[in-house]
Amino acid sequence: MLSHMTMTDEQRKSVILQYFRAFDNGGTAPDGSSILELFAPDAQVYFPKWGIATGREQIGRMFSDLGARLVSITHDYAHFNWVFSGSDTVVVEGVSHGEHVDGKWRAGNPAWGAGYWCDVFEVRDWLITRCFIYLDPDYGSADVGRYPWLSCTSE
């Protein structure tokens, strides 16, 4: 029979903050360990235009693919919106800024551009078991041609 450690919302939040800090630090957690060690061996991560990665090896490949496109990223921790479900699920909404190979971005500049995101996590036994990332991956705002209303807006 499997047993699970009971975690508080604050404990789940601390695991998720380690994840964001590691992501902002090129995949290295504050304690020097790999971001992948924050994930359960069979965890799943979803990223738009990439799909679902299952297990640390695939998650590592996904993060390598994403990292090859990012020069830098910073999440604005002070303004995260945390939603706790009373179970293992935690929703985090926030903003980011950084530099992509297609150029710099900042949430709100332009108003419709990249930088706003919402992630849904499941955290059990001090490990992330699921992380589904919802955002616009067009960091360089290059996809204007497919959305006619964008050519009518100003930054």
N, C-alpha and C. Protein backbone atom coordinates (compact mmCIF):
# COMPACT_ATOMS: atom_id res chain seq x y z
N MET A 1 0.84 -1.17 0.00
CA MET A 1 0.00 0.00 0.00
C MET A 1 0.89 1.25 0.00
N LEU A 2 0.56 2.19 -0.88
CA LEU A 2 1.32 3.42 -0.96
C LEU A 2 0.83 4.40 0.09
N SER A 3 1.76 5.13 0.67
CA SER A 3 1.35 6.18 1.59
C SER A 3 1.87 7.51 1.04
N HIS A 4 1.13 8.55 1.31
CA HIS A 4 1.50 9.88 0.87
C HIS A 4 1.66 10.77 2.09
N MET A 5 2.69 11.62 2.05
CA MET A 5 2.87 12.59 3.11
C MET A 5 1.83 13.69 2.95
N THR A 6 1.25 14.09 4.04
CA THR A 6 0.32 15.20 4.00
C THR A 6 1.13 16.49 3.91
N MET A 7 0.76 17.32 2.95
CA MET A 7 1.45 18.60 2.77
C MET A 7 0.45 19.74 2.96
N THR A 8 0.94 20.83 3.50
CA THR A 8 0.12 22.02 3.62
C THR A 8 0.21 22.81 2.32
N ASP A 9 -0.70 23.77 2.16
CA ASP A 9 -0.65 24.64 0.98
C ASP A 9 0.67 25.41 0.94
N GLU A 10 1.14 25.86 2.09
CA GLU A 10 2.41 26.60 2.13
C GLU A 10 3.59 25.72 1.72
N GLN A 11 3.56 24.45 2.05
CA GLN A 11 4.62 23.54 1.63
C GLN A 11 4.58 23.32 0.13
N ARG A 12 3.37 23.15 -0.43
CA ARG A 12 3.24 23.02 -1.88
C ARG A 12 3.74 24.29 -2.56
N LYS A 13 3.38 25.42 -2.00
CA LYS A 13 3.83 26.71 -2.54
C LYS A 13 5.35 26.80 -2.55
N SER A 14 6.00 26.31 -1.50
CA SER A 14 7.47 26.38 -1.44
C SER A 14 8.11 25.52 -2.53
N VAL A 15 7.53 24.37 -2.84
CA VAL A 15 8.05 23.52 -3.93
C VAL A 15 7.90 24.25 -5.26
N ILE A 16 6.74 24.87 -5.47
CA ILE A 16 6.47 25.57 -6.72
C ILE A 16 7.39 26.78 -6.87
N LEU A 17 7.65 27.50 -5.79
CA LEU A 17 8.58 28.63 -5.86
C LEU A 17 9.99 28.17 -6.20
N GLN A 18 10.40 27.01 -5.69
CA GLN A 18 11.70 26.45 -6.07
C GLN A 18 11.76 26.19 -7.57
N TYR A 19 10.65 25.68 -8.11
CA TYR A 19 10.57 25.43 -9.55
C TYR A 19 10.77 26.72 -10.34
N PHE A 20 10.03 27.78 -9.97
CA PHE A 20 10.16 29.04 -10.71
C PHE A 20 11.56 29.63 -10.57
N ARG A 21 12.13 29.56 -9.40
CA ARG A 21 13.49 30.08 -9.21
C ARG A 21 14.49 29.29 -10.05
N ALA A 22 14.31 27.98 -10.10
CA ALA A 22 15.20 27.15 -10.92
C ALA A 22 15.01 27.47 -12.40
N PHE A 23 13.76 27.65 -12.82
CA PHE A 23 13.49 27.98 -14.22
C PHE A 23 14.16 29.30 -14.60
N ASP A 24 14.05 30.29 -13.70
CA ASP A 24 14.67 31.59 -13.95
C ASP A 24 16.20 31.54 -13.91
N ASN A 25 16.72 30.47 -13.31
CA ASN A 25 18.17 30.31 -13.18
C ASN A 25 18.71 29.23 -14.12
N GLY A 26 18.09 29.10 -15.28
CA GLY A 26 18.58 28.17 -16.29
C GLY A 26 18.47 26.71 -15.93
N GLY A 27 17.57 26.36 -15.01
CA GLY A 27 17.35 24.96 -14.67
C GLY A 27 18.05 24.50 -13.40
N THR A 28 18.68 25.44 -12.68
CA THR A 28 19.37 25.09 -11.44
C THR A 28 18.61 25.67 -10.25
N ALA A 29 18.21 24.80 -9.33
CA ALA A 29 17.46 25.22 -8.15
C ALA A 29 18.37 26.00 -7.20
N PRO A 30 17.78 26.74 -6.26
CA PRO A 30 18.59 27.52 -5.32
C PRO A 30 19.62 26.69 -4.54
N ASP A 31 19.33 25.41 -4.32
CA ASP A 31 20.28 24.56 -3.59
C ASP A 31 21.32 23.92 -4.51
N GLY A 32 21.31 24.28 -5.80
CA GLY A 32 22.29 23.75 -6.75
C GLY A 32 21.84 22.50 -7.48
N SER A 33 20.70 21.95 -7.11
CA SER A 33 20.21 20.74 -7.78
C SER A 33 19.51 21.10 -9.09
N SER A 34 19.25 20.10 -9.89
CA SER A 34 18.57 20.27 -11.17
C SER A 34 17.08 20.49 -10.95
N ILE A 35 16.49 21.30 -11.80
CA ILE A 35 15.04 21.51 -11.77
C ILE A 35 14.30 20.17 -11.88
N LEU A 36 14.89 19.21 -12.58
CA LEU A 36 14.23 17.92 -12.78
C LEU A 36 14.03 17.15 -11.48
N GLU A 37 14.86 17.42 -10.47
CA GLU A 37 14.71 16.74 -9.18
C GLU A 37 13.48 17.20 -8.42
N LEU A 38 12.85 18.29 -8.88
CA LEU A 38 11.61 18.77 -8.27
C LEU A 38 10.40 18.00 -8.78
N PHE A 39 10.60 17.15 -9.79
CA PHE A 39 9.51 16.41 -10.41
C PHE A 39 9.53 14.96 -10.00
N ALA A 40 8.34 14.38 -9.85
CA ALA A 40 8.21 12.95 -9.63
C ALA A 40 8.72 12.23 -10.88
N PRO A 41 9.23 11.01 -10.75
CA PRO A 41 9.75 10.29 -11.91
C PRO A 41 8.75 10.14 -13.05
N ASP A 42 7.45 10.07 -12.74
CA ASP A 42 6.43 9.89 -13.77
C ASP A 42 5.59 11.16 -14.00
N ALA A 43 6.12 12.31 -13.62
CA ALA A 43 5.39 13.58 -13.73
C ALA A 43 5.07 13.91 -15.18
N GLN A 44 4.08 14.77 -15.35
CA GLN A 44 3.72 15.26 -16.68
C GLN A 44 3.79 16.78 -16.69
N VAL A 45 4.32 17.33 -17.80
CA VAL A 45 4.37 18.77 -18.01
C VAL A 45 3.83 19.05 -19.41
N TYR A 46 2.94 20.03 -19.49
CA TYR A 46 2.40 20.48 -20.78
C TYR A 46 2.89 21.90 -21.05
N PHE A 47 3.32 22.12 -22.30
CA PHE A 47 3.68 23.46 -22.76
C PHE A 47 3.07 23.64 -24.15
N PRO A 48 2.41 24.80 -24.40
CA PRO A 48 1.79 25.01 -25.71
C PRO A 48 2.79 24.90 -26.85
N LYS A 49 2.36 24.30 -27.91
CA LYS A 49 3.15 24.08 -29.13
C LYS A 49 4.25 23.04 -28.94
N TRP A 50 4.36 22.46 -27.75
CA TRP A 50 5.30 21.36 -27.53
C TRP A 50 4.51 20.09 -27.27
N GLY A 51 3.52 20.18 -26.38
CA GLY A 51 2.72 19.01 -26.03
C GLY A 51 2.97 18.59 -24.60
N ILE A 52 2.72 17.31 -24.32
CA ILE A 52 2.88 16.77 -22.97
C ILE A 52 4.15 15.94 -22.90
N ALA A 53 4.98 16.27 -21.93
CA ALA A 53 6.18 15.47 -21.63
C ALA A 53 5.87 14.63 -20.40
N THR A 54 6.21 13.36 -20.46
CA THR A 54 5.97 12.45 -19.34
C THR A 54 7.30 11.88 -18.87
N GLY A 55 7.57 12.02 -17.59
CA GLY A 55 8.81 11.52 -17.01
C GLY A 55 9.92 12.54 -17.11
N ARG A 56 10.89 12.41 -16.23
CA ARG A 56 11.99 13.38 -16.15
C ARG A 56 12.78 13.51 -17.44
N GLU A 57 12.99 12.40 -18.15
CA GLU A 57 13.78 12.48 -19.39
C GLU A 57 13.08 13.35 -20.43
N GLN A 58 11.79 13.10 -20.65
CA GLN A 58 11.04 13.92 -21.62
C GLN A 58 10.90 15.36 -21.14
N ILE A 59 10.68 15.55 -19.84
CA ILE A 59 10.58 16.90 -19.30
C ILE A 59 11.90 17.63 -19.52
N GLY A 60 13.00 16.95 -19.31
CA GLY A 60 14.31 17.54 -19.56
C GLY A 60 14.48 17.94 -21.02
N ARG A 61 13.99 17.10 -21.94
CA ARG A 61 14.06 17.42 -23.36
C ARG A 61 13.20 18.65 -23.67
N MET A 62 11.99 18.70 -23.09
CA MET A 62 11.12 19.85 -23.29
C MET A 62 11.80 21.13 -22.81
N PHE A 63 12.34 21.08 -21.58
CA PHE A 63 12.99 22.27 -21.03
C PHE A 63 14.22 22.66 -21.84
N SER A 64 14.93 21.69 -22.39
CA SER A 64 16.08 22.00 -23.27
C SER A 64 15.61 22.69 -24.54
N ASP A 65 14.53 22.17 -25.12
CA ASP A 65 13.97 22.80 -26.33
C ASP A 65 13.54 24.23 -26.03
N LEU A 66 12.85 24.44 -24.92
CA LEU A 66 12.40 25.78 -24.55
C LEU A 66 13.59 26.67 -24.22
N GLY A 67 14.54 26.14 -23.48
CA GLY A 67 15.72 26.90 -23.09
C GLY A 67 16.56 27.34 -24.27
N ALA A 68 16.55 26.58 -25.34
CA ALA A 68 17.30 26.95 -26.54
C ALA A 68 16.70 28.18 -27.20
N ARG A 69 15.45 28.50 -26.90
CA ARG A 69 14.78 29.66 -27.48
C ARG A 69 14.80 30.87 -26.54
N LEU A 70 15.07 30.64 -25.25
CA LEU A 70 15.06 31.71 -24.26
C LEU A 70 16.48 32.16 -23.95
N VAL A 71 16.72 33.45 -23.99
CA VAL A 71 18.00 34.00 -23.54
C VAL A 71 17.94 34.18 -22.03
N SER A 72 16.81 34.71 -21.54
CA SER A 72 16.60 34.88 -20.11
C SER A 72 15.10 34.98 -19.84
N ILE A 73 14.73 34.68 -18.60
CA ILE A 73 13.34 34.82 -18.17
C ILE A 73 13.34 35.15 -16.69
N THR A 74 12.41 36.00 -16.28
CA THR A 74 12.23 36.34 -14.88
C THR A 74 10.74 36.37 -14.60
N HIS A 75 10.33 35.64 -13.59
CA HIS A 75 8.95 35.64 -13.14
C HIS A 75 8.82 36.64 -12.00
N ASP A 76 7.72 37.37 -11.95
CA ASP A 76 7.48 38.38 -10.93
C ASP A 76 6.80 37.74 -9.72
N TYR A 77 7.62 37.15 -8.84
CA TYR A 77 7.12 36.37 -7.70
C TYR A 77 6.21 37.18 -6.78
N ALA A 78 6.49 38.45 -6.60
CA ALA A 78 5.75 39.28 -5.66
C ALA A 78 4.29 39.46 -6.06
N HIS A 79 4.00 39.25 -7.34
CA HIS A 79 2.64 39.47 -7.81
C HIS A 79 1.94 38.19 -8.27
N PHE A 80 2.43 37.04 -7.83
CA PHE A 80 1.75 35.78 -8.15
C PHE A 80 0.37 35.78 -7.50
N ASN A 81 -0.59 35.20 -8.20
CA ASN A 81 -1.91 34.97 -7.66
C ASN A 81 -2.02 33.47 -7.41
N TRP A 82 -2.12 33.07 -6.16
CA TRP A 82 -2.15 31.67 -5.77
C TRP A 82 -3.60 31.24 -5.51
N VAL A 83 -3.98 30.08 -6.07
CA VAL A 83 -5.29 29.51 -5.82
C VAL A 83 -5.08 28.08 -5.33
N PHE A 84 -5.47 27.84 -4.09
CA PHE A 84 -5.31 26.52 -3.48
C PHE A 84 -6.65 25.80 -3.48
N SER A 85 -6.63 24.53 -3.83
CA SER A 85 -7.87 23.77 -4.01
C SER A 85 -8.28 22.98 -2.78
N GLY A 86 -7.42 22.95 -1.77
CA GLY A 86 -7.71 22.09 -0.63
C GLY A 86 -7.25 20.66 -0.86
N SER A 87 -6.61 20.43 -2.01
CA SER A 87 -6.05 19.11 -2.32
C SER A 87 -4.62 19.32 -2.83
N ASP A 88 -4.15 18.46 -3.68
CA ASP A 88 -2.79 18.55 -4.21
C ASP A 88 -2.65 19.61 -5.31
N THR A 89 -3.76 20.14 -5.80
CA THR A 89 -3.75 21.06 -6.94
C THR A 89 -3.59 22.51 -6.50
N VAL A 90 -2.66 23.20 -7.18
CA VAL A 90 -2.41 24.62 -6.93
C VAL A 90 -2.35 25.32 -8.29
N VAL A 91 -3.08 26.41 -8.41
CA VAL A 91 -3.05 27.21 -9.63
C VAL A 91 -2.28 28.49 -9.33
N VAL A 92 -1.37 28.84 -10.23
CA VAL A 92 -0.57 30.05 -10.06
C VAL A 92 -0.70 30.88 -11.33
N GLU A 93 -1.07 32.14 -11.14
CA GLU A 93 -1.19 33.07 -12.25
C GLU A 93 -0.15 34.17 -12.03
N GLY A 94 0.48 34.61 -13.13
CA GLY A 94 1.48 35.64 -12.96
C GLY A 94 1.92 36.27 -14.26
N VAL A 95 3.01 37.02 -14.14
CA VAL A 95 3.61 37.68 -15.30
C VAL A 95 5.10 37.39 -15.32
N SER A 96 5.67 37.55 -16.52
CA SER A 96 7.11 37.35 -16.68
C SER A 96 7.64 38.36 -17.69
N HIS A 97 8.95 38.46 -17.72
CA HIS A 97 9.63 39.24 -18.75
C HIS A 97 10.96 38.57 -19.02
N GLY A 98 11.55 38.93 -20.14
CA GLY A 98 12.83 38.34 -20.47
C GLY A 98 13.20 38.59 -21.91
N GLU A 99 14.09 37.73 -22.39
CA GLU A 99 14.53 37.84 -23.77
C GLU A 99 14.46 36.48 -24.43
N HIS A 100 13.86 36.46 -25.59
CA HIS A 100 13.69 35.28 -26.43
C HIS A 100 14.60 35.48 -27.63
N VAL A 101 14.90 34.44 -28.37
CA VAL A 101 15.72 34.61 -29.57
C VAL A 101 15.07 35.56 -30.57
N ASP A 102 13.73 35.73 -30.47
CA ASP A 102 13.01 36.64 -31.34
C ASP A 102 12.91 38.06 -30.79
N GLY A 103 13.45 38.31 -29.62
CA GLY A 103 13.43 39.65 -29.04
C GLY A 103 13.00 39.64 -27.58
N LYS A 104 13.04 40.83 -26.98
CA LYS A 104 12.65 40.98 -25.57
C LYS A 104 11.13 41.03 -25.44
N TRP A 105 10.64 40.62 -24.28
CA TRP A 105 9.22 40.72 -24.00
C TRP A 105 9.02 41.13 -22.55
N ARG A 106 7.88 41.72 -22.29
CA ARG A 106 7.44 42.08 -20.94
C ARG A 106 5.92 42.04 -20.95
N ALA A 107 5.34 41.40 -19.95
CA ALA A 107 3.88 41.35 -19.86
C ALA A 107 3.32 42.76 -19.93
N GLY A 108 2.34 42.96 -20.79
CA GLY A 108 1.70 44.25 -20.93
C GLY A 108 2.31 45.15 -21.99
N ASN A 109 3.42 44.72 -22.61
CA ASN A 109 4.07 45.53 -23.63
C ASN A 109 4.43 44.66 -24.83
N PRO A 110 3.60 44.58 -25.85
CA PRO A 110 2.30 45.23 -25.99
C PRO A 110 1.25 44.55 -25.10
N ALA A 111 0.11 45.20 -24.96
CA ALA A 111 -0.93 44.73 -24.05
C ALA A 111 -1.36 43.30 -24.36
N TRP A 112 -1.33 42.89 -25.62
CA TRP A 112 -1.79 41.56 -26.04
C TRP A 112 -0.64 40.55 -26.12
N GLY A 113 0.56 40.96 -25.81
CA GLY A 113 1.74 40.11 -26.02
C GLY A 113 1.97 39.06 -24.95
N ALA A 114 3.08 38.38 -25.10
CA ALA A 114 3.48 37.32 -24.17
C ALA A 114 3.81 37.90 -22.80
N GLY A 115 3.87 37.04 -21.84
CA GLY A 115 4.27 37.43 -20.50
C GLY A 115 3.23 37.14 -19.44
N TYR A 116 1.97 37.03 -19.84
CA TYR A 116 0.92 36.62 -18.92
C TYR A 116 0.82 35.10 -19.00
N TRP A 117 0.68 34.44 -17.86
CA TRP A 117 0.62 32.99 -17.87
C TRP A 117 -0.21 32.49 -16.68
N CYS A 118 -0.59 31.22 -16.75
CA CYS A 118 -1.27 30.54 -15.67
C CYS A 118 -0.82 29.09 -15.69
N ASP A 119 -0.35 28.59 -14.57
CA ASP A 119 0.12 27.21 -14.46
C ASP A 119 -0.73 26.45 -13.45
N VAL A 120 -1.03 25.20 -13.77
CA VAL A 120 -1.77 24.33 -12.86
C VAL A 120 -0.82 23.22 -12.42
N PHE A 121 -0.57 23.17 -11.13
CA PHE A 121 0.36 22.18 -10.54
C PHE A 121 -0.40 21.17 -9.71
N GLU A 122 0.17 19.98 -9.63
CA GLU A 122 -0.19 19.01 -8.60
C GLU A 122 1.11 18.66 -7.90
N VAL A 123 1.12 18.78 -6.58
CA VAL A 123 2.32 18.53 -5.79
C VAL A 123 1.99 17.52 -4.70
N ARG A 124 2.73 16.41 -4.70
CA ARG A 124 2.56 15.36 -3.69
C ARG A 124 3.93 14.93 -3.20
N ASP A 125 4.02 14.67 -1.92
CA ASP A 125 5.26 14.13 -1.34
C ASP A 125 6.48 14.97 -1.71
N TRP A 126 6.32 16.30 -1.75
CA TRP A 126 7.39 17.26 -2.00
C TRP A 126 7.88 17.22 -3.44
N LEU A 127 7.09 16.64 -4.35
CA LEU A 127 7.46 16.58 -5.77
C LEU A 127 6.30 17.05 -6.63
N ILE A 128 6.63 17.70 -7.74
CA ILE A 128 5.62 18.11 -8.71
C ILE A 128 5.25 16.88 -9.52
N THR A 129 3.97 16.52 -9.53
CA THR A 129 3.52 15.37 -10.30
C THR A 129 2.87 15.79 -11.61
N ARG A 130 2.45 17.06 -11.68
CA ARG A 130 1.82 17.57 -12.89
C ARG A 130 2.00 19.08 -12.93
N CYS A 131 2.35 19.60 -14.11
CA CYS A 131 2.47 21.04 -14.32
C CYS A 131 2.01 21.33 -15.74
N PHE A 132 0.84 21.94 -15.86
CA PHE A 132 0.32 22.31 -17.17
C PHE A 132 0.43 23.83 -17.28
N ILE A 133 1.18 24.27 -18.27
CA ILE A 133 1.54 25.67 -18.46
C ILE A 133 0.66 26.25 -19.56
N TYR A 134 -0.06 27.31 -19.23
CA TYR A 134 -0.94 27.97 -20.18
C TYR A 134 -0.44 29.38 -20.42
N LEU A 135 0.00 29.64 -21.65
CA LEU A 135 0.51 30.95 -22.03
C LEU A 135 0.58 31.06 -23.54
N ASP A 136 0.87 32.26 -24.02
CA ASP A 136 1.11 32.48 -25.44
C ASP A 136 2.61 32.33 -25.67
N PRO A 137 3.05 31.31 -26.39
CA PRO A 137 4.48 31.11 -26.58
C PRO A 137 5.11 32.02 -27.64
N ASP A 138 4.36 32.97 -28.16
CA ASP A 138 4.87 33.91 -29.17
C ASP A 138 5.58 35.07 -28.47
N TYR A 139 6.72 34.78 -27.85
CA TYR A 139 7.44 35.76 -27.06
C TYR A 139 7.90 36.96 -27.88
N GLY A 140 8.17 36.78 -29.15
CA GLY A 140 8.64 37.86 -29.99
C GLY A 140 7.53 38.65 -30.66
N SER A 141 6.27 38.36 -30.34
CA SER A 141 5.10 39.01 -30.94
C SER A 141 5.17 38.99 -32.46
N ALA A 142 5.62 37.86 -33.00
CA ALA A 142 5.80 37.73 -34.45
C ALA A 142 4.56 37.19 -35.16
N ASP A 143 3.56 36.78 -34.41
CA ASP A 143 2.40 36.10 -34.99
C ASP A 143 1.27 37.08 -35.35
N VAL A 144 1.60 38.34 -35.51
CA VAL A 144 0.60 39.39 -35.76
C VAL A 144 -0.18 39.13 -37.05
N GLY A 145 0.43 38.62 -38.08
CA GLY A 145 -0.22 38.42 -39.36
C GLY A 145 -1.44 37.53 -39.33
N ARG A 146 -1.50 36.61 -38.39
CA ARG A 146 -2.64 35.68 -38.33
C ARG A 146 -3.83 36.22 -37.55
N TYR A 147 -3.66 37.37 -36.88
CA TYR A 147 -4.72 37.96 -36.07
C TYR A 147 -4.92 39.41 -36.47
N PRO A 148 -5.85 39.67 -37.40
CA PRO A 148 -6.01 41.01 -37.97
C PRO A 148 -6.25 42.11 -36.96
N TRP A 149 -6.89 41.80 -35.85
CA TRP A 149 -7.16 42.84 -34.86
C TRP A 149 -5.89 43.38 -34.22
N LEU A 150 -4.81 42.62 -34.27
CA LEU A 150 -3.57 43.09 -33.67
C LEU A 150 -2.93 44.25 -34.46
N SER A 151 -3.13 44.25 -35.78
CA SER A 151 -2.56 45.33 -36.57
C SER A 151 -3.27 46.67 -36.31
N CYS A 152 -4.41 46.63 -35.65
CA CYS A 152 -5.18 47.84 -35.35
C CYS A 152 -4.87 48.38 -33.97
N THR A 153 -4.10 47.64 -33.15
CA THR A 153 -3.81 48.08 -31.80
C THR A 153 -2.45 48.74 -31.73
N SER A 154 -2.31 49.63 -30.80
CA SER A 154 -1.01 50.27 -30.59
C SER A 154 -0.40 49.73 -29.31
N GLU A 155 0.87 49.85 -29.23
CA GLU A 155 1.57 49.39 -28.04
C GLU A 155 1.42 50.44 -26.98
